[in-house]
PDB file of N, CA and C in Angstrom:
ATOM      1  N   MET A   1       9.514  16.653  17.377  1.00  0.00           N
ATOM      2  CA  MET A   1       8.308  17.011  16.660  1.00  0.00           C
ATOM      3  C   MET A   1       7.108  16.521  17.451  1.00  0.00           C
ATOM      4  N   LYS A   2       6.153  17.386  17.634  1.00  0.00           N
ATOM      5  CA  LYS A   2       4.928  17.033  18.344  1.00  0.00           C
ATOM      6  C   LYS A   2       4.043  16.173  17.440  1.00  0.00           C
ATOM      7  N   ALA A   3       3.206  15.371  18.074  1.00  0.00           N
ATOM      8  CA  ALA A   3       2.311  14.489  17.325  1.00  0.00           C
ATOM      9  C   ALA A   3       1.413  15.277  16.397  1.00  0.00           C
ATOM     10  N   SER A   4       0.923  16.420  16.844  1.00  0.00           N
ATOM     11  CA  SER A   4       0.040  17.220  15.994  1.00  0.00           C
ATOM     12  C   SER A   4       0.779  17.723  14.756  1.00  0.00           C
ATOM     13  N   GLU A   5       2.065  18.073  14.903  1.00  0.00           N
ATOM     14  CA  GLU A   5       2.867  18.505  13.754  1.00  0.00           C
ATOM     15  C   GLU A   5       3.109  17.348  12.797  1.00  0.00           C
ATOM     16  N   PHE A   6       3.380  16.169  13.378  1.00  0.00           N
ATOM     17  CA  PHE A   6       3.585  14.969  12.565  1.00  0.00           C
ATOM     18  C   PHE A   6       2.324  14.656  11.767  1.00  0.00           C
ATOM     19  N   ASP A   7       1.172  14.677  12.439  1.00  0.00           N
ATOM     20  CA  ASP A   7      -0.103  14.402  11.774  1.00  0.00           C
ATOM     21  C   ASP A   7      -0.360  15.382  10.640  1.00  0.00           C
ATOM     22  N   LYS A   8      -0.089  16.646  10.872  1.00  0.00           N
ATOM     23  CA  LYS A   8      -0.314  17.659   9.847  1.00  0.00           C
ATOM     24  C   LYS A   8       0.602  17.423   8.647  1.00  0.00           C
ATOM     25  N   SER A   9       1.862  17.103   8.923  1.00  0.00           N
ATOM     26  CA  SER A   9       2.800  16.809   7.836  1.00  0.00           C
ATOM     27  C   SER A   9       2.307  15.627   7.009  1.00  0.00           C
ATOM     28  N   PHE A  10       1.851  14.591   7.693  1.00  0.00           N
ATOM     29  CA  PHE A  10       1.331  13.405   6.999  1.00  0.00           C
ATOM     30  C   PHE A  10       0.119  13.761   6.155  1.00  0.00           C
ATOM     31  N   GLU A  11      -0.820  14.461   6.747  1.00  0.00           N
ATOM     32  CA  GLU A  11      -2.052  14.830   6.046  1.00  0.00           C
ATOM     33  C   GLU A  11      -1.782  15.759   4.867  1.00  0.00           C
ATOM     34  N   ASP A  12      -0.715  16.561   4.961  1.00  0.00           N
ATOM     35  CA  ASP A  12      -0.351  17.465   3.870  1.00  0.00           C
ATOM     36  C   ASP A  12       0.463  16.773   2.781  1.00  0.00           C
ATOM     37  N   GLY A  13       0.721  15.469   2.975  1.00  0.00           N
ATOM     38  CA  GLY A  13       1.457  14.706   1.967  1.00  0.00           C
ATOM     39  C   GLY A  13       2.958  14.932   2.000  1.00  0.00           C
ATOM     40  N   GLU A  14       3.454  15.497   3.076  1.00  0.00           N
ATOM     41  CA  GLU A  14       4.888  15.747   3.206  1.00  0.00           C
ATOM     42  C   GLU A  14       5.627  14.459   3.547  1.00  0.00           C
ATOM     43  N   GLU A  15       6.931  14.440   3.278  1.00  0.00           N
ATOM     44  CA  GLU A  15       7.770  13.297   3.612  1.00  0.00           C
ATOM     45  C   GLU A  15       7.924  13.218   5.134  1.00  0.00           C
ATOM     46  N   ILE A  16       7.599  12.052   5.703  1.00  0.00           N
ATOM     47  CA  ILE A  16       7.644  11.911   7.160  1.00  0.00           C
ATOM     48  C   ILE A  16       8.630  10.846   7.631  1.00  0.00           C
ATOM     49  N   LEU A  17       9.185  10.069   6.704  1.00  0.00           N
ATOM     50  CA  LEU A  17      10.051   8.961   7.103  1.00  0.00           C
ATOM     51  C   LEU A  17      11.253   9.405   7.931  1.00  0.00           C
ATOM     52  N   GLN A  18      11.783  10.587   7.660  1.00  0.00           N
ATOM     53  CA  GLN A  18      12.953  11.038   8.410  1.00  0.00           C
ATOM     54  C   GLN A  18      12.622  11.262   9.885  1.00  0.00           C
ATOM     55  N   HIS A  19      11.363  11.308  10.232  1.00  0.00           N
ATOM     56  CA  HIS A  19      10.937  11.513  11.617  1.00  0.00           C
ATOM     57  C   HIS A  19      10.649  10.194  12.348  1.00  0.00           C
ATOM     58  N   LEU A  20      10.818   9.082  11.659  1.00  0.00           N
ATOM     59  CA  LEU A  20      10.499   7.785  12.246  1.00  0.00           C
ATOM     60  C   LEU A  20      11.759   6.972  12.493  1.00  0.00           C
ATOM     61  N   ASP A  21      11.768   6.190  13.561  1.00  0.00           N
ATOM     62  CA  ASP A  21      12.849   5.247  13.837  1.00  0.00           C
ATOM     63  C   ASP A  21      12.378   3.876  13.374  1.00  0.00           C
ATOM     64  N   LEU A  22      12.779   3.494  12.166  1.00  0.00           N
ATOM     65  CA  LEU A  22      12.317   2.237  11.590  1.00  0.00           C
ATOM     66  C   LEU A  22      13.157   1.040  12.015  1.00  0.00           C
ATOM     67  N   SER A  23      14.215   1.275  12.790  1.00  0.00           N
ATOM     68  CA  SER A  23      15.094   0.173  13.201  1.00  0.00           C
ATOM     69  C   SER A  23      14.374  -0.839  14.096  1.00  0.00           C
ATOM     70  N   LYS A  24      13.316  -0.413  14.758  1.00  0.00           N
ATOM     71  CA  LYS A  24      12.595  -1.310  15.664  1.00  0.00           C
ATOM     72  C   LYS A  24      11.202  -1.658  15.139  1.00  0.00           C
ATOM     73  N   SER A  25      10.961  -1.346  13.880  1.00  0.00           N
ATOM     74  CA  SER A  25       9.630  -1.606  13.323  1.00  0.00           C
ATOM     75  C   SER A  25       9.474  -3.088  12.995  1.00  0.00           C
ATOM     76  N   ASN A  26       8.239  -3.546  12.991  1.00  0.00           N
ATOM     77  CA  ASN A  26       7.941  -4.915  12.596  1.00  0.00           C
ATOM     78  C   ASN A  26       6.545  -4.958  12.002  1.00  0.00           C
ATOM     79  N   ARG A  27       6.246  -6.066  11.364  1.00  0.00           N
ATOM     80  CA  ARG A  27       4.936  -6.255  10.773  1.00  0.00           C
ATOM     81  C   ARG A  27       4.198  -7.299  11.592  1.00  0.00           C
ATOM     82  N   PRO A  28       3.156  -6.896  12.322  1.00  0.00           N
ATOM     83  CA  PRO A  28       2.431  -7.850  13.161  1.00  0.00           C
ATOM     84  C   PRO A  28       1.910  -9.034  12.350  1.00  0.00           C
ATOM     85  N   LEU A  29       2.012 -10.198  12.930  1.00  0.00           N
ATOM     86  CA  LEU A  29       1.539 -11.454  12.329  1.00  0.00           C
ATOM     87  C   LEU A  29       2.273 -11.818  11.043  1.00  0.00           C
ATOM     88  N   GLN A  30       3.441 -11.218  10.801  1.00  0.00           N
ATOM     89  CA  GLN A  30       4.192 -11.511   9.593  1.00  0.00           C
ATOM     90  C   GLN A  30       5.514 -12.221   9.882  1.00  0.00           C
ATOM     91  N   LYS A  31       5.726 -12.629  11.126  1.00  0.00           N
ATOM     92  CA  LYS A  31       6.946 -13.342  11.470  1.00  0.00           C
ATOM     93  C   LYS A  31       6.998 -14.637  10.663  1.00  0.00           C
ATOM     94  N   GLN A  32       8.155 -14.939  10.133  1.00  0.00           N
ATOM     95  CA  GLN A  32       8.314 -16.127   9.311  1.00  0.00           C
ATOM     96  C   GLN A  32       8.738 -17.325  10.152  1.00  0.00           C
ATOM     97  N   LYS A  33       8.258 -18.485   9.779  1.00  0.00           N
ATOM     98  CA  LYS A  33       8.670 -19.734  10.417  1.00  0.00           C
ATOM     99  C   LYS A  33       8.824 -20.781   9.324  1.00  0.00           C
ATOM    100  N   ARG A  34       9.972 -21.385   9.269  1.00  0.00           N
ATOM    101  CA  ARG A  34      10.258 -22.381   8.235  1.00  0.00           C
ATOM    102  C   ARG A  34       9.624 -23.723   8.604  1.00  0.00           C
ATOM    103  N   ILE A  35       8.979 -24.327   7.616  1.00  0.00           N
ATOM    104  CA  ILE A  35       8.434 -25.671   7.782  1.00  0.00           C
ATOM    105  C   ILE A  35       8.832 -26.506   6.571  1.00  0.00           C
ATOM    106  N   ASN A  36       8.769 -27.786   6.726  1.00  0.00           N
ATOM    107  CA  ASN A  36       9.021 -28.697   5.611  1.00  0.00           C
ATOM    108  C   ASN A  36       7.726 -29.413   5.286  1.00  0.00           C
ATOM    109  N   VAL A  37       7.412 -29.448   4.004  1.00  0.00           N
ATOM    110  CA  VAL A  37       6.205 -30.128   3.548  1.00  0.00           C
ATOM    111  C   VAL A  37       6.584 -31.010   2.371  1.00  0.00           C
ATOM    112  N   ASP A  38       6.150 -32.249   2.399  1.00  0.00           N
ATOM    113  CA  ASP A  38       6.401 -33.157   1.280  1.00  0.00           C
ATOM    114  C   ASP A  38       5.189 -33.172   0.359  1.00  0.00           C
ATOM    115  N   PHE A  39       5.444 -32.991  -0.941  1.00  0.00           N
ATOM    116  CA  PHE A  39       4.390 -33.018  -1.954  1.00  0.00           C
ATOM    117  C   PHE A  39       4.691 -34.131  -2.948  1.00  0.00           C
ATOM    118  N   PRO A  40       3.661 -34.735  -3.512  1.00  0.00           N
ATOM    119  CA  PRO A  40       3.889 -35.700  -4.586  1.00  0.00           C
ATOM    120  C   PRO A  40       4.489 -34.977  -5.808  1.00  0.00           C
ATOM    121  N   THR A  41       5.261 -35.701  -6.588  1.00  0.00           N
ATOM    122  CA  THR A  41       5.931 -35.125  -7.753  1.00  0.00           C
ATOM    123  C   THR A  41       4.947 -34.454  -8.695  1.00  0.00           C
ATOM    124  N   TRP A  42       3.784 -35.066  -8.949  1.00  0.00           N
ATOM    125  CA  TRP A  42       2.829 -34.477  -9.889  1.00  0.00           C
ATOM    126  C   TRP A  42       2.366 -33.106  -9.407  1.00  0.00           C
ATOM    127  N   MET A  43       2.254 -32.950  -8.076  1.00  0.00           N
ATOM    128  CA  MET A  43       1.803 -31.685  -7.521  1.00  0.00           C
ATOM    129  C   MET A  43       2.879 -30.604  -7.683  1.00  0.00           C
ATOM    130  N   ILE A  44       4.126 -30.971  -7.450  1.00  0.00           N
ATOM    131  CA  ILE A  44       5.230 -30.024  -7.633  1.00  0.00           C
ATOM    132  C   ILE A  44       5.314 -29.588  -9.091  1.00  0.00           C
ATOM    133  N   GLU A  45       5.158 -30.532  -9.994  1.00  0.00           N
ATOM    134  CA  GLU A  45       5.207 -30.188 -11.423  1.00  0.00           C
ATOM    135  C   GLU A  45       4.074 -29.245 -11.793  1.00  0.00           C
ATOM    136  N   SER A  46       2.886 -29.485 -11.258  1.00  0.00           N
ATOM    137  CA  SER A  46       1.749 -28.603 -11.527  1.00  0.00           C
ATOM    138  C   SER A  46       1.966 -27.223 -10.925  1.00  0.00           C
ATOM    139  N   LEU A  47       2.488 -27.181  -9.706  1.00  0.00           N
ATOM    140  CA  LEU A  47       2.793 -25.898  -9.067  1.00  0.00           C
ATOM    141  C   LEU A  47       3.824 -25.119  -9.895  1.00  0.00           C
ATOM    142  N   ASP A  48       4.859 -25.815 -10.351  1.00  0.00           N
ATOM    143  CA  ASP A  48       5.901 -25.149 -11.138  1.00  0.00           C
ATOM    144  C   ASP A  48       5.362 -24.616 -12.456  1.00  0.00           C
ATOM    145  N   ARG A  49       4.503 -25.380 -13.113  1.00  0.00           N
ATOM    146  CA  ARG A  49       3.912 -24.904 -14.375  1.00  0.00           C
ATOM    147  C   ARG A  49       3.103 -23.638 -14.151  1.00  0.00           C
ATOM    148  N   GLU A  50       2.276 -23.646 -13.110  1.00  0.00           N
ATOM    149  CA  GLU A  50       1.439 -22.478 -12.828  1.00  0.00           C
ATOM    150  C   GLU A  50       2.289 -21.292 -12.380  1.00  0.00           C
ATOM    151  N   ALA A  51       3.283 -21.539 -11.557  1.00  0.00           N
ATOM    152  CA  ALA A  51       4.172 -20.466 -11.112  1.00  0.00           C
ATOM    153  C   ALA A  51       4.903 -19.846 -12.301  1.00  0.00           C
ATOM    154  N   ASN A  52       5.406 -20.679 -13.197  1.00  0.00           N
ATOM    155  CA  ASN A  52       6.088 -20.170 -14.396  1.00  0.00           C
ATOM    156  C   ASN A  52       5.126 -19.400 -15.291  1.00  0.00           C
ATOM    157  N   ARG A  53       3.904 -19.869 -15.390  1.00  0.00           N
ATOM    158  CA  ARG A  53       2.915 -19.214 -16.243  1.00  0.00           C
ATOM    159  C   ARG A  53       2.655 -17.779 -15.790  1.00  0.00           C
ATOM    160  N   ILE A  54       2.584 -17.587 -14.466  1.00  0.00           N
ATOM    161  CA  ILE A  54       2.286 -16.235 -13.985  1.00  0.00           C
ATOM    162  C   ILE A  54       3.537 -15.475 -13.532  1.00  0.00           C
ATOM    163  N   GLY A  55       4.700 -16.113 -13.630  1.00  0.00           N
ATOM    164  CA  GLY A  55       5.957 -15.431 -13.365  1.00  0.00           C
ATOM    165  C   GLY A  55       6.305 -15.226 -11.910  1.00  0.00           C
ATOM    166  N   VAL A  56       5.997 -16.218 -11.081  1.00  0.00           N
ATOM    167  CA  VAL A  56       6.353 -16.151  -9.667  1.00  0.00           C
ATOM    168  C   VAL A  56       7.086 -17.429  -9.279  1.00  0.00           C
ATOM    169  N   THR A  57       7.590 -17.478  -8.059  1.00  0.00           N
ATOM    170  CA  THR A  57       8.260 -18.687  -7.586  1.00  0.00           C
ATOM    171  C   THR A  57       7.247 -19.700  -7.074  1.00  0.00           C
ATOM    172  N   ARG A  58       7.699 -20.918  -6.958  1.00  0.00           N
ATOM    173  CA  ARG A  58       6.844 -21.976  -6.395  1.00  0.00           C
ATOM    174  C   ARG A  58       6.413 -21.596  -4.984  1.00  0.00           C
ATOM    175  N   GLN A  59       7.347 -21.101  -4.185  1.00  0.00           N
ATOM    176  CA  GLN A  59       7.030 -20.719  -2.812  1.00  0.00           C
ATOM    177  C   GLN A  59       5.954 -19.637  -2.785  1.00  0.00           C
ATOM    178  N   SER A  60       6.062 -18.665  -3.670  1.00  0.00           N
ATOM    179  CA  SER A  60       5.079 -17.582  -3.709  1.00  0.00           C
ATOM    180  C   SER A  60       3.681 -18.091  -4.019  1.00  0.00           C
ATOM    181  N   ILE A  61       3.573 -18.960  -4.993  1.00  0.00           N
ATOM    182  CA  ILE A  61       2.237 -19.440  -5.376  1.00  0.00           C
ATOM    183  C   ILE A  61       1.640 -20.291  -4.252  1.00  0.00           C
ATOM    184  N   ILE A  62       2.477 -21.069  -3.574  1.00  0.00           N
ATOM    185  CA  ILE A  62       1.976 -21.863  -2.454  1.00  0.00           C
ATOM    186  C   ILE A  62       1.458 -20.939  -1.358  1.00  0.00           C
ATOM    187  N   LYS A  63       2.216 -19.896  -1.026  1.00  0.00           N
ATOM    188  CA  LYS A  63       1.793 -18.962   0.020  1.00  0.00           C
ATOM    189  C   LYS A  63       0.487 -18.264  -0.347  1.00  0.00           C
ATOM    190  N   VAL A  64       0.397 -17.797  -1.586  1.00  0.00           N
ATOM    191  CA  VAL A  64      -0.811 -17.076  -2.017  1.00  0.00           C
ATOM    192  C   VAL A  64      -2.016 -18.000  -1.980  1.00  0.00           C
ATOM    193  N   TRP A  65      -1.868 -19.200  -2.523  1.00  0.00           N
ATOM    194  CA  TRP A  65      -3.002 -20.119  -2.557  1.00  0.00           C
ATOM    195  C   TRP A  65      -3.426 -20.543  -1.155  1.00  0.00           C
ATOM    196  N   LEU A  66      -2.467 -20.786  -0.283  1.00  0.00           N
ATOM    197  CA  LEU A  66      -2.819 -21.149   1.092  1.00  0.00           C
ATOM    198  C   LEU A  66      -3.520 -19.988   1.807  1.00  0.00           C
ATOM    199  N   ALA A  67      -3.019 -18.782   1.604  1.00  0.00           N
ATOM    200  CA  ALA A  67      -3.642 -17.612   2.229  1.00  0.00           C
ATOM    201  C   ALA A  67      -5.069 -17.435   1.726  1.00  0.00           C
ATOM    202  N   GLU A  68      -5.267 -17.597   0.415  1.00  0.00           N
ATOM    203  CA  GLU A  68      -6.623 -17.471  -0.139  1.00  0.00           C
ATOM    204  C   GLU A  68      -7.560 -18.500   0.468  1.00  0.00           C
ATOM    205  N   ARG A  69      -7.083 -19.710   0.587  1.00  0.00           N
ATOM    206  CA  ARG A  69      -7.925 -20.778   1.143  1.00  0.00           C
ATOM    207  C   ARG A  69      -8.237 -20.534   2.616  1.00  0.00           C
ATOM    208  N   LEU A  70      -7.242 -20.082   3.378  1.00  0.00           N
ATOM    209  CA  LEU A  70      -7.471 -19.799   4.793  1.00  0.00           C
ATOM    210  C   LEU A  70      -8.463 -18.651   4.972  1.00  0.00           C
ATOM    211  N   GLU A  71      -8.367 -17.630   4.131  1.00  0.00           N
ATOM    212  CA  GLU A  71      -9.325 -16.525   4.186  1.00  0.00           C
ATOM    213  C   GLU A  71     -10.729 -17.010   3.834  1.00  0.00           C
ATOM    214  N   GLN A  72     -10.828 -17.863   2.820  1.00  0.00           N
ATOM    215  CA  GLN A  72     -12.119 -18.417   2.419  1.00  0.00           C
ATOM    216  C   GLN A  72     -12.731 -19.230   3.556  1.00  0.00           C
ATOM    217  N   GLN A  73     -11.922 -20.052   4.203  1.00  0.00           N
ATOM    218  CA  GLN A  73     -12.413 -20.863   5.317  1.00  0.00           C
ATOM    219  C   GLN A  73     -12.886 -19.975   6.468  1.00  0.00           C
ATOM    220  N   ALA A  74     -12.152 -18.905   6.749  1.00  0.00           N
ATOM    221  CA  ALA A  74     -12.520 -18.005   7.833  1.00  0.00           C
ATOM    222  C   ALA A  74     -13.855 -17.337   7.520  1.00  0.00           C
ATOM    223  N   LEU A  75     -14.042 -16.932   6.264  1.00  0.00           N
ATOM    224  CA  LEU A  75     -15.326 -16.303   5.875  1.00  0.00           C
ATOM    225  C   LEU A  75     -16.480 -17.292   5.992  1.00  0.00           C
ATOM    226  N   GLU A  76     -16.252 -18.525   5.591  1.00  0.00           N
ATOM    227  CA  GLU A  76     -17.303 -19.531   5.682  1.00  0.00           C
ATOM    228  C   GLU A  76     -17.680 -19.825   7.129  1.00  0.00           C
ATOM    229  N   ARG A  77     -16.696 -19.796   8.020  1.00  0.00           N
ATOM    230  CA  ARG A  77     -16.979 -20.048   9.447  1.00  0.00           C
ATOM    231  C   ARG A  77     -17.784 -18.911  10.066  1.00  0.00           C
ATOM    232  N   THR A  78     -17.549 -17.693   9.617  1.00  0.00           N
ATOM    233  CA  THR A  78     -18.265 -16.556  10.187  1.00  0.00           C
ATOM    234  C   THR A  78     -19.605 -16.326   9.500  1.00  0.00           C
ATOM    235  N   GLY A  79     -19.840 -17.065   8.428  1.00  0.00           N
ATOM    236  CA  GLY A  79     -21.123 -16.924   7.731  1.00  0.00           C
ATOM    237  C   GLY A  79     -21.212 -15.728   6.803  1.00  0.00           C
ATOM    238  N   SER A  80     -20.084 -15.130   6.474  1.00  0.00           N
ATOM    239  CA  SER A  80     -20.084 -13.957   5.592  1.00  0.00           C
ATOM    240  C   SER A  80     -20.037 -14.356   4.147  1.00  0.00           C
TER     241      SER A  80
END
């Protein structure tokens, strides 16, 4: 399939996944790396309460909150 045909299929809302080789796909900057972090018990209990309240795992809430804070810091550094 030519690129122009692929583009037209995409723009027309047609199914295009069968034309892609997803076996080698990746998500840039999404590679995972395991780390160990020690938290005080009171902090873990607070994280668990909040995670349970919104229906997510402790790991998920930590990731979301850290990402939000890192984005906030980046915006503050750029003056936006």
